[in-house]
């Protein structure tokens, strides 16, 4: 990281909350405040390397963000005025396209195939999903400033390339469904275990909405195996929600959960979807394999089957996260030493779950001092309160 990047990261951590709060008070709109602050930091990333860091970086960010907010309000006012004029001239209702649900229609509209997949997912999560830039950055495992730049560039591309954001028709849906499913998956994940320190550990409103919208996608595209797979994955995960928190607000790991507290109707529905996809005889996609893994976890757990499924997933998604999850299963099959050798090769030093996994494997190997260090690193990178409580207890049990 360069010196300028260090300065911007420091200013961001010190000034973000103050700038957003000031803009929200002035303009009465938190979304506008966050968007303007993100655009201001993105502008700093572009300009400060050439112009130099201003004498008062926080004041520069505040002034720039205020201008961005005013510009956005003016643009929206002009757009609303032109829209009303168009309605008066045509006297025709806005087309609904193939999708009846307002929110799902917006998700499909924003997931325009002209944008790169990561850009369209990030932009849709921000503009429609309601996630903050920080939450989106956490989902993509990138710095918040980098995510702010990505979102800003996506919006600039829409403007510069004059990408038409019309309501998609039925024939447009297959080209957009990959991005839509990714958006819904990440919204669900944020609800399943929130990444922000000022939010509840679990947000049932996000998981419920993600499931609702995924059901609608499956109804729209019943032959899409990944839509069915994602729905099954969500249902099998949501089924365990009541057992995932202790009375003291601590995260309860899967092996220690009270299975009688699980929602067995959701589990039955999820298993039926997984079996239907297996019976279809098609090569499964990422969400279908993840659903199958969760089906094994909610049945009689067979670690050799879990590892085999992760091997299949790695052929589609050879990411470090998948390797990490596979190593956790390998620990149960071949022992913690074999798994630790796999984990130590992964480039995930900034990911809290990597350090939490290492800590647990080191604990099982009797290497208490190294385990404590790994727990400390995981705790430092974790914002979720329930997860923090769990990691603190596990660390303190080392003595």
Protein backbone atom coordinates (compact mmCIF):
# COMPACT_ATOMS: atom_id res chain seq x y z
CA UNK A 1 0.00 0.00 0.00
CA UNK A 2 1.40 3.46 -0.92
CA UNK A 3 1.73 6.40 1.50
CA UNK A 4 -1.27 8.09 -0.16
CA UNK A 5 -3.35 4.94 0.30
CA UNK A 6 -2.31 4.86 3.96
CA UNK A 7 -3.41 8.47 4.42
CA UNK A 8 -6.75 7.90 2.67
CA UNK A 9 -7.40 4.75 4.72
CA UNK A 10 -6.61 6.62 7.94
CA UNK A 11 -8.77 9.61 7.00
CA UNK A 12 -11.58 7.25 6.01
CA UNK A 13 -11.51 5.45 9.37
CA UNK A 14 -11.40 8.76 11.28
CA UNK A 15 -13.77 10.88 9.22
CA UNK A 16 -16.36 8.56 7.58
CA UNK A 17 -18.90 8.50 10.43
CA UNK A 18 -18.58 12.26 11.08
CA UNK A 19 -18.98 13.22 7.41
CA UNK A 20 -21.98 10.94 6.88
CA UNK A 21 -23.67 12.19 10.06
CA UNK A 22 -23.12 15.84 9.07
CA UNK A 23 -24.51 15.29 5.56
CA UNK A 24 -27.47 13.31 6.87
CA UNK A 25 -28.35 16.17 9.24
CA UNK A 26 -28.05 18.74 6.49
CA UNK A 27 -29.89 16.90 3.73
CA UNK A 28 -32.17 14.67 5.76
CA UNK A 29 -31.32 11.56 3.75
CA UNK A 30 -28.87 8.89 4.93
CA UNK A 31 -28.60 7.25 1.50
CA UNK A 32 -27.58 10.54 -0.12
CA UNK A 33 -25.13 11.15 2.73
CA UNK A 34 -23.43 7.78 2.32
CA UNK A 35 -23.33 8.01 -1.49
CA UNK A 36 -21.84 11.50 -1.37
CA UNK A 37 -19.23 10.51 1.22
CA UNK A 38 -18.25 7.46 -0.85
CA UNK A 39 -17.90 9.60 -3.98
CA UNK A 40 -15.78 12.11 -2.04
CA UNK A 41 -13.33 9.43 -0.91
CA UNK A 42 -13.25 8.03 -4.44
CA UNK A 43 -12.37 11.53 -5.67
CA UNK A 44 -9.59 11.70 -3.06
CA UNK A 45 -8.14 8.44 -4.38
CA UNK A 46 -8.04 9.90 -7.89
CA UNK A 47 -6.85 13.44 -7.08
CA UNK A 48 -4.58 13.30 -4.04
CA UNK A 49 -1.82 11.25 -5.70
CA UNK A 50 -1.50 14.01 -8.34
CA UNK A 51 -2.42 17.13 -6.30
CA UNK A 52 -1.00 16.10 -2.95
CA UNK A 53 -2.81 15.60 0.35
CA UNK A 54 -4.61 18.83 1.35
CA UNK A 55 -3.61 20.53 4.63
CA UNK A 56 -6.98 19.59 6.19
CA UNK A 57 -8.00 16.26 4.63
CA UNK A 58 -11.18 15.94 6.68
CA UNK A 59 -12.41 19.38 5.64
CA UNK A 60 -11.60 18.57 2.00
CA UNK A 61 -13.65 15.38 2.20
CA UNK A 62 -16.56 17.20 3.87
CA UNK A 63 -16.63 20.01 1.29
CA UNK A 64 -16.35 17.60 -1.63
CA UNK A 65 -19.08 15.37 -0.20
CA UNK A 66 -21.41 18.35 0.25
CA UNK A 67 -20.94 19.30 -3.39
CA UNK A 68 -21.57 15.71 -4.49
CA UNK A 69 -24.78 15.61 -2.41
CA UNK A 70 -26.03 18.90 -3.85
CA UNK A 71 -25.26 17.75 -7.39
CA UNK A 72 -27.17 14.50 -6.83
CA UNK A 73 -30.21 16.28 -5.37
CA UNK A 74 -30.29 18.67 -8.32
CA UNK A 75 -29.99 15.80 -10.83
CA UNK A 76 -32.79 13.87 -9.17
CA UNK A 77 -35.00 16.96 -9.09
CA UNK A 78 -34.46 17.53 -12.83
CA UNK A 79 -35.06 13.85 -13.58
CA UNK A 80 -38.31 13.81 -11.60
CA UNK A 81 -39.48 16.93 -13.39
CA UNK A 82 -38.71 15.44 -16.82
CA UNK A 83 -40.40 12.20 -15.84
CA UNK A 84 -43.58 14.04 -14.87
CA UNK A 85 -43.50 15.95 -18.14
CA UNK A 86 -43.15 12.71 -20.10
CA UNK A 87 -46.09 11.17 -18.29
CA UNK A 88 -48.24 14.23 -19.07
CA UNK A 89 -47.36 13.96 -22.76
CA UNK A 90 -47.89 10.24 -23.19
CA UNK A 91 -50.67 9.48 -20.68
CA UNK A 92 -49.47 5.86 -20.65
CA UNK A 93 -48.50 3.88 -17.55
CA UNK A 94 -44.90 2.79 -16.98
CA UNK A 95 -44.40 -0.74 -18.36
CA UNK A 96 -44.06 -3.48 -15.79
CA UNK A 97 -42.20 -5.92 -18.02
CA UNK A 98 -42.10 -9.56 -16.95
CA UNK A 99 -41.76 -8.93 -13.20
CA UNK A 100 -44.63 -7.90 -10.94
CA UNK A 101 -42.63 -7.34 -7.74
CA UNK A 102 -41.28 -3.78 -7.52
CA UNK A 103 -38.08 -4.61 -5.67
CA UNK A 104 -37.17 -7.62 -7.78
CA UNK A 105 -37.82 -5.57 -10.92
CA UNK A 106 -35.28 -3.02 -9.66
CA UNK A 107 -32.72 -5.74 -8.99
CA UNK A 108 -33.09 -7.15 -12.51
CA UNK A 109 -33.00 -3.61 -13.94
CA UNK A 110 -29.74 -2.74 -12.16
CA UNK A 111 -28.06 -6.05 -13.07
CA UNK A 112 -27.45 -4.87 -16.62
CA UNK A 113 -25.18 -7.25 -18.58
CA UNK A 114 -23.20 -4.32 -20.02
CA UNK A 115 -21.49 -3.95 -16.63
CA UNK A 116 -18.89 -6.39 -15.35
CA UNK A 117 -20.46 -8.91 -12.99
CA UNK A 118 -18.75 -7.62 -9.84
CA UNK A 119 -19.62 -4.02 -10.70
CA UNK A 120 -23.29 -4.75 -11.35
CA UNK A 121 -23.57 -6.80 -8.14
CA UNK A 122 -21.89 -4.13 -6.01
CA UNK A 123 -23.95 -1.32 -7.53
CA UNK A 124 -27.20 -3.23 -7.08
CA UNK A 125 -26.40 -4.10 -3.48
CA UNK A 126 -25.87 -0.41 -2.77
CA UNK A 127 -28.72 1.12 -4.75
CA UNK A 128 -31.40 -1.53 -4.25
CA UNK A 129 -30.26 -3.98 -1.58
CA UNK A 130 -29.75 -1.26 1.00
CA UNK A 131 -26.30 -2.44 2.07
CA UNK A 132 -23.69 0.13 3.06
CA UNK A 133 -20.40 0.48 1.21
CA UNK A 134 -18.68 -1.07 4.24
CA UNK A 135 -20.97 -4.13 4.19
CA UNK A 136 -20.46 -4.61 0.45
CA UNK A 137 -16.68 -4.29 0.83
CA UNK A 138 -16.80 -6.96 3.56
CA UNK A 139 -18.76 -9.28 1.25
CA UNK A 140 -16.12 -8.91 -1.48
CA UNK A 141 -13.16 -9.00 0.96
CA UNK A 142 -11.79 -5.66 -0.29
CA UNK A 143 -11.00 -2.31 1.34
CA UNK A 144 -13.94 0.05 1.73
CA UNK A 145 -12.24 2.76 -0.34
CA UNK A 146 -11.67 0.27 -3.17
CA UNK A 147 -15.36 -0.69 -3.11
CA UNK A 148 -16.39 2.97 -3.12
CA UNK A 149 -14.28 3.47 -6.24
CA UNK A 150 -15.81 0.39 -7.89
CA UNK A 151 -19.35 1.63 -7.32
CA UNK A 152 -18.50 5.13 -8.48
CA UNK A 153 -16.91 3.78 -11.67
CA UNK A 154 -19.95 1.61 -12.36
CA UNK A 155 -22.22 4.63 -12.13
CA UNK A 156 -19.87 6.63 -14.32
CA UNK A 157 -19.88 3.88 -16.96
CA UNK A 158 -23.68 3.88 -16.98
CA UNK A 159 -23.63 7.62 -17.59
CA UNK A 160 -20.79 7.73 -20.12
CA UNK A 161 -21.91 4.71 -22.15
CA UNK A 162 -25.57 5.76 -21.90
CA UNK A 163 -26.54 2.27 -20.83
CA UNK A 164 -30.33 2.01 -21.12
CA UNK A 165 -31.85 1.04 -17.79
CA UNK A 166 -35.26 -0.01 -19.01
CA UNK A 167 -37.47 -2.54 -17.26
CA UNK A 168 -36.33 -5.98 -18.52
CA UNK A 169 -38.69 -8.14 -20.51
CA UNK A 170 -38.94 -11.91 -20.07
CA UNK A 171 -36.39 -12.60 -22.79
CA UNK A 172 -33.89 -10.36 -20.95
CA UNK A 173 -34.02 -12.31 -17.68
CA UNK A 174 -31.61 -15.22 -18.44
CA UNK A 175 -28.80 -12.77 -19.29
CA UNK A 176 -29.26 -11.02 -15.94
CA UNK A 177 -30.09 -13.84 -13.57
CA UNK A 178 -26.46 -14.61 -12.62
CA UNK A 179 -26.01 -11.12 -11.23
CA UNK A 180 -29.44 -11.17 -9.59
CA UNK A 181 -28.70 -14.43 -7.76
CA UNK A 182 -25.33 -13.09 -6.61
CA UNK A 183 -27.05 -9.98 -5.20
CA UNK A 184 -29.65 -12.05 -3.34
CA UNK A 185 -26.98 -14.43 -2.01
CA UNK A 186 -24.92 -11.56 -0.59
CA UNK A 187 -27.99 -9.87 0.94
CA UNK A 188 -28.83 -13.17 2.63
CA UNK A 189 -25.25 -13.58 3.88
CA UNK A 190 -25.25 -10.10 5.40
CA UNK A 191 -28.45 -10.96 7.27
CA UNK A 192 -27.16 -14.39 8.29
CA UNK A 193 -24.13 -12.89 10.05
CA UNK A 194 -23.93 -9.11 9.89
CA UNK A 195 -20.58 -7.44 9.30
CA UNK A 196 -21.25 -4.07 10.99
CA UNK A 197 -20.44 -3.39 14.67
CA UNK A 198 -23.53 -1.21 15.15
CA UNK A 199 -26.09 -3.75 13.89
CA UNK A 200 -27.77 -6.83 15.30
CA UNK A 201 -25.69 -10.00 15.02
CA UNK A 202 -28.35 -11.56 12.79
CA UNK A 203 -30.84 -9.61 10.65
CA UNK A 204 -33.90 -11.72 9.98
CA UNK A 205 -35.39 -8.96 7.83
CA UNK A 206 -32.59 -9.35 5.27
CA UNK A 207 -32.67 -13.15 5.20
CA UNK A 208 -36.47 -13.19 4.88
CA UNK A 209 -36.44 -10.68 2.03
CA UNK A 210 -33.67 -12.55 0.20
CA UNK A 211 -35.67 -15.78 0.47
CA UNK A 212 -38.85 -14.06 -0.71
CA UNK A 213 -37.15 -12.60 -3.79
CA UNK A 214 -35.36 -15.87 -4.58
CA UNK A 215 -38.70 -17.68 -4.53
CA UNK A 216 -39.95 -15.15 -7.10
CA UNK A 217 -36.87 -15.67 -9.30
CA UNK A 218 -37.44 -19.42 -9.24
CA UNK A 219 -41.09 -18.90 -10.21
CA UNK A 220 -39.99 -16.67 -13.10
CA UNK A 221 -37.29 -19.11 -14.26
CA UNK A 222 -38.39 -22.58 -13.10
CA UNK A 223 -35.85 -24.35 -15.32
CA UNK A 224 -32.88 -22.45 -13.85
CA UNK A 225 -31.04 -24.91 -11.63
CA UNK A 226 -29.04 -22.25 -9.83
CA UNK A 227 -32.20 -20.37 -8.77
CA UNK A 228 -33.49 -23.60 -7.21
CA UNK A 229 -30.07 -24.29 -5.70
CA UNK A 230 -29.83 -20.85 -4.12
CA UNK A 231 -33.32 -21.15 -2.66
CA UNK A 232 -32.43 -24.55 -1.17
CA UNK A 233 -29.20 -23.13 0.27
CA UNK A 234 -31.06 -20.24 1.90
CA UNK A 235 -33.79 -22.46 3.34
CA UNK A 236 -31.34 -24.97 4.83
CA UNK A 237 -29.33 -22.13 6.36
CA UNK A 238 -32.32 -20.16 7.63
CA UNK A 239 -33.73 -23.33 9.21
CA UNK A 240 -30.92 -23.22 11.79
CA UNK A 241 -31.30 -19.57 12.76
CA UNK A 242 -33.10 -20.12 16.09
CA UNK A 243 -30.28 -22.39 17.29
CA UNK A 244 -27.38 -20.17 16.18
CA UNK A 245 -27.40 -17.78 19.17
CA UNK A 246 -27.04 -18.65 22.84
CA UNK A 247 -29.19 -16.86 25.47
CA UNK A 248 -26.16 -14.63 26.16
CA UNK A 249 -25.90 -13.58 22.51
CA UNK A 250 -22.94 -15.77 21.61
CA UNK A 251 -22.61 -17.56 18.28
CA UNK A 252 -23.28 -21.31 18.55
CA UNK A 253 -21.36 -23.43 16.04
CA UNK A 254 -23.16 -26.07 14.01
CA UNK A 255 -21.76 -29.02 15.98
CA UNK A 256 -23.13 -27.58 19.25
CA UNK A 257 -26.57 -26.48 18.05
CA UNK A 258 -29.79 -27.91 19.48
CA UNK A 259 -31.24 -29.66 16.44
CA UNK A 260 -34.70 -29.72 18.01
CA UNK A 261 -34.74 -25.92 17.61
CA UNK A 262 -34.25 -26.14 13.84
CA UNK A 263 -37.16 -25.43 11.49
CA UNK A 264 -37.70 -28.91 10.08
CA UNK A 265 -40.30 -27.74 7.54
CA UNK A 266 -37.66 -25.52 5.92
CA UNK A 267 -35.15 -28.37 6.04
CA UNK A 268 -37.62 -30.72 4.34
CA UNK A 269 -38.29 -28.14 1.62
CA UNK A 270 -34.57 -27.55 1.11
CA UNK A 271 -33.83 -31.28 0.89
CA UNK A 272 -36.64 -31.73 -1.65
CA UNK A 273 -35.14 -29.01 -3.85
CA UNK A 274 -31.68 -30.61 -3.65
CA UNK A 275 -33.07 -34.03 -4.56
CA UNK A 276 -35.02 -32.55 -7.48
CA UNK A 277 -31.85 -30.95 -8.87
CA UNK A 278 -29.94 -34.24 -8.53
CA UNK A 279 -32.77 -36.06 -10.34
CA UNK A 280 -32.59 -33.52 -13.18
CA UNK A 281 -29.25 -35.04 -14.17
CA UNK A 282 -27.65 -31.69 -15.09
CA UNK A 283 -24.17 -30.58 -14.08
CA UNK A 284 -24.71 -28.60 -10.86
CA UNK A 285 -23.67 -25.01 -10.44
CA UNK A 286 -22.12 -23.28 -7.43
CA UNK A 287 -25.32 -22.71 -5.46
CA UNK A 288 -26.54 -26.25 -6.09
CA UNK A 289 -23.31 -27.71 -4.68
CA UNK A 290 -23.42 -25.39 -1.66
CA UNK A 291 -27.03 -26.48 -1.08
CA UNK A 292 -25.96 -30.12 -1.26
CA UNK A 293 -23.23 -29.47 1.34
CA UNK A 294 -25.79 -27.89 3.65
CA UNK A 295 -28.17 -30.80 3.06
CA UNK A 296 -25.45 -33.14 4.35
CA UNK A 297 -24.87 -30.87 7.37
CA UNK A 298 -28.58 -31.00 8.25
CA UNK A 299 -28.80 -34.78 7.85
CA UNK A 300 -26.40 -37.47 9.03
CA UNK A 301 -23.13 -35.65 8.52
CA UNK A 302 -20.70 -37.55 6.30
CA UNK A 303 -17.37 -35.69 6.16
CA UNK A 304 -16.06 -37.70 3.22
CA UNK A 305 -19.15 -36.62 1.25
CA UNK A 306 -18.66 -33.01 2.31
CA UNK A 307 -15.02 -33.05 1.15
CA UNK A 308 -16.05 -34.63 -2.17
CA UNK A 309 -18.63 -31.91 -2.70
CA UNK A 310 -16.03 -29.21 -1.97
CA UNK A 311 -13.72 -30.87 -4.50
CA UNK A 312 -16.53 -30.55 -7.04
CA UNK A 313 -17.09 -26.91 -6.06
CA UNK A 314 -13.39 -26.10 -6.45
CA UNK A 315 -13.61 -27.01 -10.13
CA UNK A 316 -16.16 -24.20 -10.53
CA UNK A 317 -14.85 -21.75 -7.95
CA UNK A 318 -11.19 -22.31 -6.96
CA UNK A 319 -11.24 -19.34 -4.59
CA UNK A 320 -9.32 -19.20 -1.29
CA UNK A 321 -12.63 -19.12 0.62
CA UNK A 322 -13.71 -22.45 -0.88
CA UNK A 323 -10.27 -23.91 -0.09
CA UNK A 324 -10.66 -22.69 3.50
CA UNK A 325 -14.08 -24.28 3.91
CA UNK A 326 -12.81 -27.52 2.39
CA UNK A 327 -9.92 -27.55 4.87
CA UNK A 328 -12.40 -27.33 7.76
CA UNK A 329 -14.05 -30.50 6.47
CA UNK A 330 -10.65 -32.14 5.92
CA UNK A 331 -9.85 -31.52 9.60
CA UNK A 332 -12.75 -33.76 10.56
CA UNK A 333 -11.75 -36.45 8.07
CA UNK A 334 -7.94 -36.48 8.18
CA UNK A 335 -7.13 -34.51 11.33
CA UNK A 336 -6.16 -30.90 12.24
CA UNK A 337 -2.51 -31.23 11.18
CA UNK A 338 -3.42 -32.05 7.58
CA UNK A 339 -5.97 -29.24 7.53
CA UNK A 340 -3.56 -26.68 9.01
CA UNK A 341 -1.04 -27.37 6.26
CA UNK A 342 -3.77 -26.57 3.72
CA UNK A 343 -4.93 -23.44 5.53
CA UNK A 344 -1.45 -21.96 5.97
CA UNK A 345 -1.03 -21.77 2.19
CA UNK A 346 -4.07 -19.52 1.68
CA UNK A 347 -3.72 -15.76 0.97
CA UNK A 348 -6.41 -14.71 3.48
CA UNK A 349 -4.48 -12.73 6.09
CA UNK A 350 -7.17 -10.03 6.18
CA UNK A 351 -10.10 -12.42 6.62
CA UNK A 352 -11.29 -13.08 10.17
CA UNK A 353 -12.56 -16.62 9.45
CA UNK A 354 -9.09 -17.63 8.24
CA UNK A 355 -7.56 -16.74 11.62
CA UNK A 356 -10.49 -18.26 13.53
CA UNK A 357 -10.00 -21.52 11.62
CA UNK A 358 -6.25 -21.51 12.27
CA UNK A 359 -6.90 -20.82 15.95
CA UNK A 360 -9.21 -23.80 16.27
CA UNK A 361 -6.81 -26.13 14.45
CA UNK A 362 -3.86 -24.95 16.56
CA UNK A 363 -5.95 -25.44 19.73
CA UNK A 364 -6.75 -29.01 18.70
CA UNK A 365 -3.04 -29.64 18.11
CA UNK A 366 -2.17 -28.41 21.62
CA UNK A 367 -0.31 -25.32 20.38
CA UNK A 368 -2.02 -22.95 22.81
CA UNK A 369 0.29 -19.95 22.41
CA UNK A 370 -0.06 -19.87 18.63
CA UNK A 371 -3.79 -20.47 18.96
CA UNK A 372 -4.14 -17.44 21.26
CA UNK A 373 -2.33 -15.25 18.72
CA UNK A 374 -4.63 -16.47 15.97
CA UNK A 375 -7.72 -15.85 18.12
CA UNK A 376 -6.51 -12.31 18.83
CA UNK A 377 -6.12 -11.66 15.12
CA UNK A 378 -9.59 -13.06 14.36
CA UNK A 379 -11.14 -10.93 17.13
CA UNK A 380 -9.45 -7.80 15.78
CA UNK A 381 -10.94 -8.43 12.34
CA UNK A 382 -14.44 -9.36 13.56
CA UNK A 383 -17.19 -6.74 13.96
CA UNK A 384 -20.13 -9.09 14.58
CA UNK A 385 -20.89 -9.05 18.32
CA UNK A 386 -22.04 -12.69 18.58
CA UNK A 387 -18.96 -13.93 16.75
CA UNK A 388 -16.69 -11.78 18.91
CA UNK A 389 -18.19 -13.23 22.10
CA UNK A 390 -17.64 -16.76 20.81
CA UNK A 391 -14.01 -16.09 19.84
CA UNK A 392 -13.26 -14.37 23.15
CA UNK A 393 -14.58 -17.33 25.12
CA UNK A 394 -12.63 -19.83 23.02
CA UNK A 395 -9.44 -17.79 23.44
CA UNK A 396 -9.90 -17.42 27.21
CA UNK A 397 -10.48 -21.17 27.57
CA UNK A 398 -6.87 -21.67 26.51
CA UNK A 399 -5.80 -20.39 29.93
